[in-house]
């Protein structure tokens, strides 16, 4: 199937970006929809302080019938992208139909956008900012050295790694 990718540049596209998971998971009784306001705040420079030291963009993927079948976002946090010996950008908000070609188009678009801005690697899924419902893998693994963990569970779901923890508190 032939797909096209487009950057989210207007309110209509932003609404499609927001609503795509609703259609993808409409028959999944276990899916919990994030609050629309929580998602839109991430992409609002007036409400997300990460725009003071970073940038992000979003894309939609359309099929031959012009239906939205995928989405993704890329991020650069300039305050932390050079903490390692290589520069790191992020990708997140990935949702897509079950089609490898479609998924790879979204990942490749993120990679290209990050490379255009000098990034040497890509982490994901991460999100641009601090939200109650997400923490980046980098933040998580750095926190392990400061947090006493009672138990840790690793569950692999498709290509997504979900880490669950019970924290007993911070240590110095």
Protein backbone atom coordinates (compact mmCIF):
# COMPACT_ATOMS: atom_id res chain seq x y z
CA UNK A 1 0.00 0.00 0.00
CA UNK A 2 1.18 3.52 -0.69
CA UNK A 3 1.36 5.91 2.27
CA UNK A 4 2.06 9.62 2.56
CA UNK A 5 3.37 11.44 5.58
CA UNK A 6 2.56 15.03 6.51
CA UNK A 7 3.64 17.36 9.28
CA UNK A 8 0.94 18.54 11.69
CA UNK A 9 0.62 22.25 10.86
CA UNK A 10 -3.00 23.17 11.63
CA UNK A 11 -5.85 22.53 14.08
CA UNK A 12 -7.57 19.97 11.85
CA UNK A 13 -4.40 17.87 11.72
CA UNK A 14 -3.82 18.34 15.45
CA UNK A 15 -7.32 16.96 16.10
CA UNK A 16 -6.59 13.94 13.87
CA UNK A 17 -3.33 13.38 15.77
CA UNK A 18 -5.27 13.43 19.03
CA UNK A 19 -8.10 11.16 17.87
CA UNK A 20 -6.20 8.48 15.93
CA UNK A 21 -5.77 6.17 18.95
CA UNK A 22 -9.52 6.34 19.61
CA UNK A 23 -10.20 4.69 16.26
CA UNK A 24 -7.26 2.27 16.50
CA UNK A 25 -8.26 0.96 19.93
CA UNK A 26 -12.06 1.24 19.73
CA UNK A 27 -12.45 -2.52 20.19
CA UNK A 28 -9.82 -2.87 22.91
CA UNK A 29 -11.67 -3.00 26.24
CA UNK A 30 -8.38 -2.58 28.14
CA UNK A 31 -7.31 0.66 26.44
CA UNK A 32 -7.56 3.74 28.62
CA UNK A 33 -7.75 6.99 26.70
CA UNK A 34 -5.43 9.72 27.99
CA UNK A 35 -7.09 13.04 28.68
CA UNK A 36 -7.13 15.21 25.55
CA UNK A 37 -5.90 18.18 27.56
CA UNK A 38 -2.83 16.25 28.75
CA UNK A 39 -1.86 15.46 25.16
CA UNK A 40 -2.52 18.93 23.73
CA UNK A 41 -0.50 20.61 26.51
CA UNK A 42 2.60 18.70 25.44
CA UNK A 43 2.51 20.44 22.04
CA UNK A 44 1.56 23.92 23.29
CA UNK A 45 4.62 26.19 23.73
CA UNK A 46 2.64 28.34 26.20
CA UNK A 47 1.93 25.37 28.48
CA UNK A 48 4.99 23.14 28.09
CA UNK A 49 8.19 24.60 29.60
CA UNK A 50 10.33 22.20 27.56
CA UNK A 51 9.84 24.55 24.58
CA UNK A 52 12.15 26.96 26.44
CA UNK A 53 15.05 24.61 25.70
CA UNK A 54 13.79 22.29 23.01
CA UNK A 55 11.70 21.70 19.94
CA UNK A 56 9.26 19.12 18.67
CA UNK A 57 7.10 18.30 15.70
CA UNK A 58 4.38 15.79 14.82
CA UNK A 59 3.43 13.82 11.72
CA UNK A 60 0.41 11.99 10.42
CA UNK A 61 0.53 9.02 8.06
CA UNK A 62 -2.23 8.66 5.47
CA UNK A 63 -3.22 5.73 3.31
CA UNK A 64 -4.27 5.87 -0.35
CA UNK A 65 -7.79 6.89 0.70
CA UNK A 66 -6.35 9.84 2.68
CA UNK A 67 -7.38 8.18 5.97
CA UNK A 68 -5.11 8.83 8.94
CA UNK A 69 -3.50 5.48 9.83
CA UNK A 70 -0.49 6.52 11.90
CA UNK A 71 1.08 9.26 13.97
CA UNK A 72 4.36 10.05 15.66
CA UNK A 73 6.26 12.98 17.17
CA UNK A 74 9.96 13.85 17.45
CA UNK A 75 11.63 15.87 20.17
CA UNK A 76 14.93 17.47 21.03
CA UNK A 77 15.55 18.59 24.60
CA UNK A 78 18.60 20.81 24.19
CA UNK A 79 19.24 20.76 27.94
CA UNK A 80 19.85 17.00 27.93
CA UNK A 81 20.53 15.87 24.37
CA UNK A 82 24.32 16.04 24.85
CA UNK A 83 24.59 14.31 28.23
CA UNK A 84 26.12 11.24 26.63
CA UNK A 85 29.11 11.06 24.27
CA UNK A 86 26.63 11.29 21.38
CA UNK A 87 23.61 13.53 20.82
CA UNK A 88 20.19 12.00 21.48
CA UNK A 89 16.74 13.02 20.25
CA UNK A 90 13.45 11.42 21.07
CA UNK A 91 10.37 10.03 19.41
CA UNK A 92 7.01 9.26 20.93
CA UNK A 93 3.25 9.36 20.58
CA UNK A 94 3.66 6.51 18.10
CA UNK A 95 0.40 4.90 17.05
CA UNK A 96 -0.07 2.99 13.82
CA UNK A 97 -2.10 0.35 12.06
CA UNK A 98 -0.56 -3.11 12.04
CA UNK A 99 1.63 -2.61 8.98
CA UNK A 100 5.43 -2.74 9.09
CA UNK A 101 5.85 -0.44 6.06
CA UNK A 102 3.62 2.19 7.69
CA UNK A 103 5.42 1.95 11.02
CA UNK A 104 8.88 2.16 9.44
CA UNK A 105 7.85 5.27 7.48
CA UNK A 106 7.01 7.00 10.75
CA UNK A 107 10.23 5.88 12.45
CA UNK A 108 12.30 6.91 9.42
CA UNK A 109 10.69 10.35 9.37
CA UNK A 110 11.63 10.88 13.01
CA UNK A 111 15.18 9.72 12.34
CA UNK A 112 15.56 12.08 9.37
CA UNK A 113 14.19 15.06 11.32
CA UNK A 114 16.57 14.38 14.20
CA UNK A 115 19.55 13.91 11.87
CA UNK A 116 18.74 17.23 10.15
CA UNK A 117 19.16 18.84 13.59
CA UNK A 118 22.47 17.15 14.37
CA UNK A 119 21.24 14.28 16.52
CA UNK A 120 23.21 11.05 16.30
CA UNK A 121 20.73 8.71 17.94
CA UNK A 122 17.05 8.36 18.74
CA UNK A 123 15.33 7.14 21.91
CA UNK A 124 11.76 6.10 22.20
CA UNK A 125 9.12 5.94 23.14
CA UNK A 126 9.62 9.15 25.13
CA UNK A 127 7.53 12.28 25.30
CA UNK A 128 8.41 15.96 25.27
CA UNK A 129 8.02 17.20 28.81
CA UNK A 130 7.02 15.93 32.19
CA UNK A 131 3.60 14.30 32.32
CA UNK A 132 2.01 12.19 35.01
CA UNK A 133 1.58 9.34 32.53
CA UNK A 134 5.08 9.06 31.12
CA UNK A 135 8.73 9.02 31.96
CA UNK A 136 11.49 8.62 29.42
CA UNK A 137 13.64 5.51 29.47
CA UNK A 138 16.68 7.73 30.05
CA UNK A 139 15.04 9.37 33.09
CA UNK A 140 14.00 5.96 34.37
CA UNK A 141 17.44 4.37 34.18
CA UNK A 142 19.14 7.43 35.68
CA UNK A 143 16.65 7.33 38.57
CA UNK A 144 17.56 3.72 39.34
CA UNK A 145 20.76 4.89 41.00
CA UNK A 146 18.79 7.16 43.35
CA UNK A 147 15.70 5.11 44.07
CA UNK A 148 15.36 2.11 46.35
CA UNK A 149 13.34 -0.46 44.43
CA UNK A 150 11.30 -3.10 46.23
CA UNK A 151 10.37 -4.93 43.06
CA UNK A 152 10.82 -4.56 39.36
CA UNK A 153 8.86 -6.23 36.61
CA UNK A 154 9.68 -6.28 32.96
CA UNK A 155 6.97 -7.08 30.47
CA UNK A 156 7.59 -7.01 26.77
CA UNK A 157 4.50 -6.16 24.73
CA UNK A 158 5.21 -6.23 21.01
CA UNK A 159 8.08 -3.79 20.55
CA UNK A 160 7.27 -1.75 23.65
CA UNK A 161 9.01 -2.38 26.95
CA UNK A 162 6.88 -1.55 29.98
CA UNK A 163 8.73 -1.16 33.26
CA UNK A 164 6.72 -1.27 36.48
CA UNK A 165 8.17 -0.44 39.88
CA UNK A 166 7.30 0.05 43.49
CA UNK A 167 9.50 2.83 44.85
CA UNK A 168 10.30 3.05 48.55
CA UNK A 169 11.80 6.51 48.37
CA UNK A 170 14.82 8.50 47.36
CA UNK A 171 18.29 7.74 48.63
CA UNK A 172 21.28 10.04 48.50
